[in-house]
Protein backbone atom coordinates (compact mmCIF):
# COMPACT_ATOMS: atom_id res chain seq x y z
CA MET A 1 -19.25 -9.39 1.59
CA PRO A 2 -16.83 -6.92 -0.14
CA ALA A 3 -13.32 -6.69 1.02
CA LYS A 4 -12.40 -3.67 3.16
CA LEU A 5 -9.36 -1.59 2.69
CA ARG A 6 -7.09 -1.95 5.65
CA LYS A 7 -3.45 -2.07 6.45
CA SER A 8 -1.99 -5.58 6.51
CA LYS A 9 -0.88 -7.10 9.67
CA LYS A 10 0.70 -10.22 8.41
CA ASP A 11 2.61 -9.03 5.28
CA LYS A 12 3.89 -5.59 6.15
CA MET A 13 7.23 -4.05 5.59
CA LEU A 14 6.81 -0.43 6.83
CA ALA A 15 3.26 0.45 7.64
CA GLY A 16 1.42 -2.43 5.76
CA VAL A 17 -0.13 0.04 3.20
CA CYS A 18 1.07 -1.75 0.02
CA ALA A 19 0.17 -5.18 1.36
CA GLY A 20 -3.27 -3.85 2.45
CA LEU A 21 -3.70 -2.43 -1.00
CA ALA A 22 -2.73 -5.72 -2.60
CA GLU A 23 -5.15 -7.72 -0.38
CA TYR A 24 -7.91 -5.40 -1.43
CA LEU A 25 -7.19 -5.56 -5.06
CA GLY A 26 -6.26 -9.30 -5.01
CA TRP A 27 -2.86 -8.69 -6.28
CA ASP A 28 0.60 -9.67 -5.23
CA PRO A 29 2.07 -7.20 -2.71
CA THR A 30 5.44 -7.12 -4.54
CA ILE A 31 3.59 -5.74 -7.61
CA ILE A 32 2.20 -2.86 -5.54
CA ARG A 33 5.52 -2.18 -3.94
CA ILE A 34 7.31 -2.04 -7.22
CA ILE A 35 4.66 0.41 -8.60
CA PHE A 36 5.14 2.65 -5.48
CA VAL A 37 8.93 2.67 -5.89
CA VAL A 38 8.74 3.52 -9.71
CA LEU A 39 6.22 6.29 -8.93
CA ALA A 40 8.41 7.54 -6.16
CA PHE A 41 11.44 7.86 -8.29
CA SER A 42 9.69 9.23 -11.42
CA TYR A 43 7.08 11.58 -9.97
CA GLY A 44 7.76 11.73 -6.25
CA PHE A 45 4.08 11.90 -5.22
CA ALA A 46 4.09 8.15 -4.27
CA ILE A 47 6.00 8.96 -1.14
CA LEU A 48 3.44 11.57 0.04
CA ALA A 49 0.54 9.19 -0.93
CA TYR A 50 2.13 6.42 1.11
CA PHE A 51 2.43 8.49 4.26
CA ILE A 52 -1.11 9.84 3.80
CA LEU A 53 -2.48 6.28 3.34
CA ALA A 54 -0.46 5.08 6.39
CA ILE A 55 -2.27 7.68 8.53
CA VAL A 56 -5.76 7.46 6.98
CA MET A 57 -6.01 3.63 6.43
CA PRO A 58 -7.38 1.67 9.55
CA ASP A 59 -5.43 -1.13 11.03
């Protein structure tokens, strides 16, 4: 059965979006969080993407 994209309940910091993406991709959540921070400071769209994902992703 394929993995489903959901917010993480066990490894969340704000809304669980980065940890949920990491579980879905099979990556370490720290890597996803670093990518979001770098994109937020360089382009700024990561902040908007995070909040959209926090609203759209199921729990």
